PDB file of N, CA and C in Angstrom:
ATOM      1  N   MET A   1       0.823  -1.193   0.000  1.00  0.00           N
ATOM      2  CA  MET A   1       0.000   0.000   0.000  1.00  0.00           C
ATOM      3  C   MET A   1       0.870   1.260   0.000  1.00  0.00           C
ATOM      4  N   PHE A   2       2.008   1.210   0.687  1.00  0.00           N
ATOM      5  CA  PHE A   2       2.911   2.362   0.740  1.00  0.00           C
ATOM      6  C   PHE A   2       3.347   2.789  -0.657  1.00  0.00           C
ATOM      7  N   TRP A   3       3.744   1.827  -1.484  1.00  0.00           N
ATOM      8  CA  TRP A   3       4.233   2.164  -2.823  1.00  0.00           C
ATOM      9  C   TRP A   3       3.131   2.690  -3.721  1.00  0.00           C
ATOM     10  N   LEU A   4       1.906   2.239  -3.504  1.00  0.00           N
ATOM     11  CA  LEU A   4       0.783   2.784  -4.274  1.00  0.00           C
ATOM     12  C   LEU A   4       0.609   4.266  -3.982  1.00  0.00           C
ATOM     13  N   ARG A   5       0.761   4.633  -2.725  1.00  0.00           N
ATOM     14  CA  ARG A   5       0.658   6.053  -2.347  1.00  0.00           C
ATOM     15  C   ARG A   5       1.800   6.856  -2.950  1.00  0.00           C
ATOM     16  N   VAL A   6       2.993   6.294  -2.898  1.00  0.00           N
ATOM     17  CA  VAL A   6       4.157   6.978  -3.480  1.00  0.00           C
ATOM     18  C   VAL A   6       3.928   7.226  -4.968  1.00  0.00           C
ATOM     19  N   LEU A   7       3.466   6.206  -5.677  1.00  0.00           N
ATOM     20  CA  LEU A   7       3.215   6.350  -7.109  1.00  0.00           C
ATOM     21  C   LEU A   7       2.088   7.337  -7.383  1.00  0.00           C
ATOM     22  N   ALA A   8       1.064   7.330  -6.566  1.00  0.00           N
ATOM     23  CA  ALA A   8      -0.043   8.275  -6.745  1.00  0.00           C
ATOM     24  C   ALA A   8       0.446   9.712  -6.565  1.00  0.00           C
ATOM     25  N   VAL A   9       1.259   9.948  -5.555  1.00  0.00           N
ATOM     26  CA  VAL A   9       1.801  11.290  -5.332  1.00  0.00           C
ATOM     27  C   VAL A   9       2.684  11.705  -6.510  1.00  0.00           C
ATOM     28  N   ALA A  10       3.500  10.782  -6.996  1.00  0.00           N
ATOM     29  CA  ALA A  10       4.364  11.081  -8.140  1.00  0.00           C
ATOM     30  C   ALA A  10       3.539  11.408  -9.378  1.00  0.00           C
ATOM     31  N   GLN A  11       2.484  10.637  -9.631  1.00  0.00           N
ATOM     32  CA  GLN A  11       1.641  10.910 -10.789  1.00  0.00           C
ATOM     33  C   GLN A  11       0.932  12.250 -10.654  1.00  0.00           C
ATOM     34  N   LEU A  12       0.467  12.564  -9.460  1.00  0.00           N
ATOM     35  CA  LEU A  12      -0.186  13.860  -9.258  1.00  0.00           C
ATOM     36  C   LEU A  12       0.802  15.008  -9.442  1.00  0.00           C
ATOM     37  N   ALA A  13       2.032  14.829  -8.984  1.00  0.00           N
ATOM     38  CA  ALA A  13       3.054  15.861  -9.166  1.00  0.00           C
ATOM     39  C   ALA A  13       3.316  16.102 -10.653  1.00  0.00           C
ATOM     40  N   LEU A  14       3.388  15.035 -11.429  1.00  0.00           N
ATOM     41  CA  LEU A  14       3.586  15.181 -12.874  1.00  0.00           C
ATOM     42  C   LEU A  14       2.384  15.852 -13.533  1.00  0.00           C
ATOM     43  N   LEU A  15       1.201  15.545 -13.047  1.00  0.00           N
ATOM     44  CA  LEU A  15      -0.015  16.169 -13.560  1.00  0.00           C
ATOM     45  C   LEU A  15      -0.011  17.670 -13.263  1.00  0.00           C
ATOM     46  N   VAL A  16       0.372  18.035 -12.053  1.00  0.00           N
ATOM     47  CA  VAL A  16       0.470  19.456 -11.685  1.00  0.00           C
ATOM     48  C   VAL A  16       1.484  20.152 -12.583  1.00  0.00           C
ATOM     49  N   LYS A  17       2.635  19.526 -12.784  1.00  0.00           N
ATOM     50  CA  LYS A  17       3.670  20.117 -13.642  1.00  0.00           C
ATOM     51  C   LYS A  17       3.145  20.337 -15.054  1.00  0.00           C
ATOM     52  N   ARG A  18       2.429  19.351 -15.578  1.00  0.00           N
ATOM     53  CA  ARG A  18       1.879  19.457 -16.926  1.00  0.00           C
ATOM     54  C   ARG A  18       0.931  20.656 -17.031  1.00  0.00           C
ATOM     55  N   HIS A  19       0.091  20.829 -16.039  1.00  0.00           N
ATOM     56  CA  HIS A  19      -0.872  21.932 -16.089  1.00  0.00           C
ATOM     57  C   HIS A  19      -0.207  23.281 -15.808  1.00  0.00           C
ATOM     58  N   LEU A  20       0.768  23.319 -14.927  1.00  0.00           N
ATOM     59  CA  LEU A  20       1.483  24.574 -14.691  1.00  0.00           C
ATOM     60  C   LEU A  20       2.264  25.013 -15.930  1.00  0.00           C
ATOM     61  N   SER A  21       2.668  24.047 -16.748  1.00  0.00           N
ATOM     62  CA  SER A  21       3.415  24.397 -17.962  1.00  0.00           C
ATOM     63  C   SER A  21       2.533  25.125 -18.981  1.00  0.00           C
ATOM     64  N   LEU A  22       1.226  25.153 -18.744  1.00  0.00           N
ATOM     65  CA  LEU A  22       0.325  25.911 -19.616  1.00  0.00           C
ATOM     66  C   LEU A  22       0.472  27.414 -19.411  1.00  0.00           C
ATOM     67  N   LEU A  23       1.109  27.806 -18.302  1.00  0.00           N
ATOM     68  CA  LEU A  23       1.395  29.213 -18.022  1.00  0.00           C
ATOM     69  C   LEU A  23       2.849  29.502 -18.374  1.00  0.00           C
ATOM     70  N   ASP A  24       3.109  30.717 -18.849  1.00  0.00           N
ATOM     71  CA  ASP A  24       4.510  31.085 -19.075  1.00  0.00           C
ATOM     72  C   ASP A  24       5.135  31.448 -17.725  1.00  0.00           C
ATOM     73  N   PRO A  25       6.455  31.547 -17.640  1.00  0.00           N
ATOM     74  CA  PRO A  25       7.103  31.799 -16.346  1.00  0.00           C
ATOM     75  C   PRO A  25       6.587  33.051 -15.629  1.00  0.00           C
ATOM     76  N   GLY A  26       6.316  34.113 -16.367  1.00  0.00           N
ATOM     77  CA  GLY A  26       5.789  35.329 -15.744  1.00  0.00           C
ATOM     78  C   GLY A  26       4.412  35.110 -15.148  1.00  0.00           C
ATOM     79  N   GLU A  27       3.598  34.343 -15.846  1.00  0.00           N
ATOM     80  CA  GLU A  27       2.260  34.040 -15.327  1.00  0.00           C
ATOM     81  C   GLU A  27       2.343  33.158 -14.084  1.00  0.00           C
ATOM     82  N   ARG A  28       3.277  32.215 -14.083  1.00  0.00           N
ATOM     83  CA  ARG A  28       3.442  31.364 -12.888  1.00  0.00           C
ATOM     84  C   ARG A  28       3.875  32.195 -11.691  1.00  0.00           C
ATOM     85  N   ARG A  29       4.802  33.126 -11.906  1.00  0.00           N
ATOM     86  CA  ARG A  29       5.238  34.005 -10.810  1.00  0.00           C
ATOM     87  C   ARG A  29       4.075  34.859 -10.317  1.00  0.00           C
ATOM     88  N   ARG A  30       3.305  35.401 -11.257  1.00  0.00           N
ATOM     89  CA  ARG A  30       2.178  36.257 -10.883  1.00  0.00           C
ATOM     90  C   ARG A  30       1.126  35.449 -10.119  1.00  0.00           C
ATOM     91  N   LEU A  31       0.851  34.245 -10.563  1.00  0.00           N
ATOM     92  CA  LEU A  31      -0.105  33.384  -9.864  1.00  0.00           C
ATOM     93  C   LEU A  31       0.364  33.130  -8.431  1.00  0.00           C
ATOM     94  N   ALA A  32       1.629  32.803  -8.263  1.00  0.00           N
ATOM     95  CA  ALA A  32       2.183  32.556  -6.932  1.00  0.00           C
ATOM     96  C   ALA A  32       2.053  33.798  -6.054  1.00  0.00           C
ATOM     97  N   ARG A  33       2.312  34.963  -6.636  1.00  0.00           N
ATOM     98  CA  ARG A  33       2.219  36.224  -5.878  1.00  0.00           C
ATOM     99  C   ARG A  33       0.776  36.489  -5.450  1.00  0.00           C
ATOM    100  N   LEU A  34      -0.165  36.285  -6.374  1.00  0.00           N
ATOM    101  CA  LEU A  34      -1.572  36.519  -6.048  1.00  0.00           C
ATOM    102  C   LEU A  34      -2.052  35.567  -4.956  1.00  0.00           C
ATOM    103  N   VAL A  35      -1.651  34.308  -5.057  1.00  0.00           N
ATOM    104  CA  VAL A  35      -2.049  33.329  -4.042  1.00  0.00           C
ATOM    105  C   VAL A  35      -1.463  33.715  -2.684  1.00  0.00           C
ATOM    106  N   ALA A  36      -0.195  34.115  -2.665  1.00  0.00           N
ATOM    107  CA  ALA A  36       0.428  34.526  -1.407  1.00  0.00           C
ATOM    108  C   ALA A  36      -0.245  35.778  -0.849  1.00  0.00           C
ATOM    109  N   ASP A  37      -0.492  36.753  -1.713  1.00  0.00           N
ATOM    110  CA  ASP A  37      -1.120  38.000  -1.260  1.00  0.00           C
ATOM    111  C   ASP A  37      -2.538  37.780  -0.750  1.00  0.00           C
ATOM    112  N   SER A  38      -3.226  36.778  -1.282  1.00  0.00           N
ATOM    113  CA  SER A  38      -4.605  36.525  -0.874  1.00  0.00           C
ATOM    114  C   SER A  38      -4.700  36.010   0.560  1.00  0.00           C
ATOM    115  N   LYS A  39      -3.631  35.403   1.051  1.00  0.00           N
ATOM    116  CA  LYS A  39      -3.598  34.835   2.404  1.00  0.00           C
ATOM    117  C   LYS A  39      -4.795  33.909   2.643  1.00  0.00           C
ATOM    118  N   GLY A  40      -5.211  33.219   1.575  1.00  0.00           N
ATOM    119  CA  GLY A  40      -6.318  32.284   1.691  1.00  0.00           C
ATOM    120  C   GLY A  40      -7.694  32.927   1.642  1.00  0.00           C
ATOM    121  N   ARG A  41      -7.738  34.255   1.502  1.00  0.00           N
ATOM    122  CA  ARG A  41      -9.023  34.968   1.460  1.00  0.00           C
ATOM    123  C   ARG A  41      -8.991  36.047   0.382  1.00  0.00           C
ATOM    124  N   PRO A  42      -9.111  35.622  -0.882  1.00  0.00           N
ATOM    125  CA  PRO A  42      -8.999  36.590  -1.978  1.00  0.00           C
ATOM    126  C   PRO A  42     -10.033  37.711  -1.919  1.00  0.00           C
ATOM    127  N   ALA A  43     -11.231  37.424  -1.467  1.00  0.00           N
ATOM    128  CA  ALA A  43     -12.264  38.456  -1.409  1.00  0.00           C
ATOM    129  C   ALA A  43     -11.872  39.573  -0.438  1.00  0.00           C
ATOM    130  N   LYS A  44     -11.114  39.242   0.560  1.00  0.00           N
ATOM    131  CA  LYS A  44     -10.718  40.224   1.572  1.00  0.00           C
ATOM    132  C   LYS A  44      -9.386  40.896   1.236  1.00  0.00           C
ATOM    133  N   HIS A  45      -8.441  40.133   0.676  1.00  0.00           N
ATOM    134  CA  HIS A  45      -7.074  40.632   0.540  1.00  0.00           C
ATOM    135  C   HIS A  45      -6.662  41.025  -0.877  1.00  0.00           C
ATOM    136  N   LEU A  46      -7.502  40.773  -1.877  1.00  0.00           N
ATOM    137  CA  LEU A  46      -7.151  41.143  -3.252  1.00  0.00           C
ATOM    138  C   LEU A  46      -8.158  42.150  -3.792  1.00  0.00           C
ATOM    139  N   SER A  47      -7.679  43.024  -4.652  1.00  0.00           N
ATOM    140  CA  SER A  47      -8.570  43.967  -5.331  1.00  0.00           C
ATOM    141  C   SER A  47      -9.413  43.203  -6.355  1.00  0.00           C
ATOM    142  N   GLY A  48     -10.434  43.851  -6.860  1.00  0.00           N
ATOM    143  CA  GLY A  48     -11.266  43.231  -7.880  1.00  0.00           C
ATOM    144  C   GLY A  48     -10.466  42.839  -9.109  1.00  0.00           C
ATOM    145  N   GLY A  49      -9.547  43.706  -9.523  1.00  0.00           N
ATOM    146  CA  GLY A  49      -8.701  43.401 -10.675  1.00  0.00           C
ATOM    147  C   GLY A  49      -7.794  42.214 -10.419  1.00  0.00           C
ATOM    148  N   ASP A  50      -7.252  42.144  -9.212  1.00  0.00           N
ATOM    149  CA  ASP A  50      -6.389  41.009  -8.858  1.00  0.00           C
ATOM    150  C   ASP A  50      -7.184  39.710  -8.807  1.00  0.00           C
ATOM    151  N   ARG A  51      -8.404  39.763  -8.293  1.00  0.00           N
ATOM    152  CA  ARG A  51      -9.250  38.558  -8.274  1.00  0.00           C
ATOM    153  C   ARG A  51      -9.566  38.108  -9.695  1.00  0.00           C
ATOM    154  N   ASP A  52      -9.861  39.070 -10.575  1.00  0.00           N
ATOM    155  CA  ASP A  52     -10.125  38.722 -11.975  1.00  0.00           C
ATOM    156  C   ASP A  52      -8.902  38.074 -12.616  1.00  0.00           C
ATOM    157  N   GLU A  53      -7.726  38.630 -12.320  1.00  0.00           N
ATOM    158  CA  GLU A  53      -6.493  38.072 -12.874  1.00  0.00           C
ATOM    159  C   GLU A  53      -6.243  36.667 -12.330  1.00  0.00           C
ATOM    160  N   LEU A  54      -6.494  36.466 -11.048  1.00  0.00           N
ATOM    161  CA  LEU A  54      -6.343  35.144 -10.442  1.00  0.00           C
ATOM    162  C   LEU A  54      -7.260  34.127 -11.136  1.00  0.00           C
ATOM    163  N   LEU A  55      -8.502  34.510 -11.360  1.00  0.00           N
ATOM    164  CA  LEU A  55      -9.442  33.623 -12.055  1.00  0.00           C
ATOM    165  C   LEU A  55      -8.986  33.316 -13.477  1.00  0.00           C
ATOM    166  N   ARG A  56      -8.473  34.327 -14.165  1.00  0.00           N
ATOM    167  CA  ARG A  56      -7.996  34.134 -15.538  1.00  0.00           C
ATOM    168  C   ARG A  56      -6.829  33.150 -15.564  1.00  0.00           C
ATOM    169  N   LEU A  57      -5.881  33.340 -14.661  1.00  0.00           N
ATOM    170  CA  LEU A  57      -4.713  32.460 -14.626  1.00  0.00           C
ATOM    171  C   LEU A  57      -5.092  31.033 -14.237  1.00  0.00           C
ATOM    172  N   VAL A  58      -5.961  30.888 -13.267  1.00  0.00           N
ATOM    173  CA  VAL A  58      -6.403  29.546 -12.870  1.00  0.00           C
ATOM    174  C   VAL A  58      -7.162  28.894 -14.020  1.00  0.00           C
ATOM    175  N   GLY A  59      -7.947  29.673 -14.750  1.00  0.00           N
ATOM    176  CA  GLY A  59      -8.660  29.133 -15.900  1.00  0.00           C
ATOM    177  C   GLY A  59      -7.727  28.573 -16.957  1.00  0.00           C
ATOM    178  N   LYS A  60      -6.561  29.206 -17.130  1.00  0.00           N
ATOM    179  CA  LYS A  60      -5.583  28.710 -18.101  1.00  0.00           C
ATOM    180  C   LYS A  60      -4.987  27.371 -17.694  1.00  0.00           C
ATOM    181  N   LEU A  61      -5.101  27.029 -16.416  1.00  0.00           N
ATOM    182  CA  LEU A  61      -4.571  25.752 -15.926  1.00  0.00           C
ATOM    183  C   LEU A  61      -5.495  24.581 -16.254  1.00  0.00           C
ATOM    184  N   GLU A  62      -6.626  24.860 -16.887  1.00  0.00           N
ATOM    185  CA  GLU A  62      -7.617  23.829 -17.236  1.00  0.00           C
ATOM    186  C   GLU A  62      -8.032  23.033 -15.996  1.00  0.00           C
ATOM    187  N   PRO A  63      -8.668  23.714 -15.029  1.00  0.00           N
ATOM    188  CA  PRO A  63      -8.994  23.043 -13.767  1.00  0.00           C
ATOM    189  C   PRO A  63      -9.924  21.845 -13.919  1.00  0.00           C
ATOM    190  N   GLY A  64     -10.854  21.868 -14.862  1.00  0.00           N
ATOM    191  CA  GLY A  64     -11.751  20.723 -15.049  1.00  0.00           C
ATOM    192  C   GLY A  64     -10.998  19.488 -15.485  1.00  0.00           C
ATOM    193  N   THR A  65     -10.132  19.667 -16.472  1.00  0.00           N
ATOM    194  CA  THR A  65      -9.314  18.554 -16.964  1.00  0.00           C
ATOM    195  C   THR A  65      -8.394  18.050 -15.860  1.00  0.00           C
ATOM    196  N   PHE A  66      -7.796  18.991 -15.126  1.00  0.00           N
ATOM    197  CA  PHE A  66      -6.916  18.617 -14.023  1.00  0.00           C
ATOM    198  C   PHE A  66      -7.679  17.788 -12.987  1.00  0.00           C
ATOM    199  N   GLY A  67      -8.849  18.260 -12.590  1.00  0.00           N
ATOM    200  CA  GLY A  67      -9.637  17.558 -11.577  1.00  0.00           C
ATOM    201  C   GLY A  67     -10.024  16.160 -12.013  1.00  0.00           C
ATOM    202  N   ARG A  68     -10.498  16.044 -13.260  1.00  0.00           N
ATOM    203  CA  ARG A  68     -10.874  14.715 -13.761  1.00  0.00           C
ATOM    204  C   ARG A  68      -9.668  13.789 -13.803  1.00  0.00           C
ATOM    205  N   SER A  69      -8.535  14.300 -14.258  1.00  0.00           N
ATOM    206  CA  SER A  69      -7.323  13.473 -14.328  1.00  0.00           C
ATOM    207  C   SER A  69      -6.857  13.060 -12.935  1.00  0.00           C
ATOM    208  N   ALA A  70      -6.942  13.979 -11.983  1.00  0.00           N
ATOM    209  CA  ALA A  70      -6.525  13.669 -10.616  1.00  0.00           C
ATOM    210  C   ALA A  70      -7.415  12.590 -10.016  1.00  0.00           C
ATOM    211  N   ILE A  71      -8.721  12.714 -10.234  1.00  0.00           N
ATOM    212  CA  ILE A  71      -9.652  11.713  -9.706  1.00  0.00           C
ATOM    213  C   ILE A  71      -9.381  10.358 -10.351  1.00  0.00           C
ATOM    214  N   PHE A  72      -9.197  10.339 -11.666  1.00  0.00           N
ATOM    215  CA  PHE A  72      -8.904   9.093 -12.370  1.00  0.00           C
ATOM    216  C   PHE A  72      -7.633   8.453 -11.815  1.00  0.00           C
ATOM    217  N   THR A  73      -6.594   9.265 -11.606  1.00  0.00           N
ATOM    218  CA  THR A  73      -5.326   8.763 -11.067  1.00  0.00           C
ATOM    219  C   THR A  73      -5.530   8.170  -9.681  1.00  0.00           C
ATOM    220  N   MET A  74      -6.242   8.886  -8.828  1.00  0.00           N
ATOM    221  CA  MET A  74      -6.432   8.407  -7.465  1.00  0.00           C
ATOM    222  C   MET A  74      -7.331   7.173  -7.412  1.00  0.00           C
ATOM    223  N   ARG A  75      -8.348   7.119  -8.233  1.00  0.00           N
ATOM    224  CA  ARG A  75      -9.217   5.934  -8.240  1.00  0.00           C
ATOM    225  C   ARG A  75      -8.431   4.696  -8.634  1.00  0.00           C
ATOM    226  N   GLY A  76      -7.614   4.823  -9.658  1.00  0.00           N
ATOM    227  CA  GLY A  76      -6.806   3.694 -10.106  1.00  0.00           C
ATOM    228  C   GLY A  76      -5.838   3.237  -9.024  1.00  0.00           C
ATOM    229  N   ARG A  77      -5.227   4.168  -8.330  1.00  0.00           N
ATOM    230  CA  ARG A  77      -4.269   3.823  -7.273  1.00  0.00           C
ATOM    231  C   ARG A  77      -4.966   3.228  -6.061  1.00  0.00           C
ATOM    232  N   MET A  78      -6.135   3.734  -5.752  1.00  0.00           N
ATOM    233  CA  MET A  78      -6.828   3.230  -4.567  1.00  0.00           C
ATOM    234  C   MET A  78      -7.358   1.816  -4.807  1.00  0.00           C
ATOM    235  N   ARG A  79      -7.596   1.473  -6.052  1.00  0.00           N
ATOM    236  CA  ARG A  79      -8.058   0.114  -6.369  1.00  0.00           C
ATOM    237  C   ARG A  79      -6.892  -0.849  -6.563  1.00  0.00           C
ATOM    238  N   GLY A  80      -5.674  -0.317  -6.474  1.00  0.00           N
ATOM    239  CA  GLY A  80      -4.499  -1.168  -6.624  1.00  0.00           C
ATOM    240  C   GLY A  80      -4.099  -1.421  -8.047  1.00  0.00           C
ATOM    241  N   LYS A  81      -4.629  -0.602  -8.973  1.00  0.00           N
ATOM    242  CA  LYS A  81      -4.261  -0.764 -10.377  1.00  0.00           C
ATOM    243  C   LYS A  81      -3.054   0.105 -10.689  1.00  0.00           C
ATOM    244  N   PRO A  82      -2.174  -0.345 -11.567  1.00  0.00           N
ATOM    245  CA  PRO A  82      -0.995   0.459 -11.941  1.00  0.00           C
ATOM    246  C   PRO A  82      -1.363   1.646 -12.802  1.00  0.00           C
TER     247      PRO A  82
END
């Protein structure tokens, strides 16, 4: 079971990398800055323009595709499939 978890984490890390590569380096830096500045509460800590930019950048990451792929990866690992 330990190795299944290790492989699942590795696959998820590769999936995250694949989706982050959809942003150019400047966009990745800006996304990181917005997330840090939000302190977990974008409505309180970010301006309207910054919130719009955060949504735009997250949208470029293809969150639906990412979520479906992550669920598929985890389901396969939890069932013991390679």
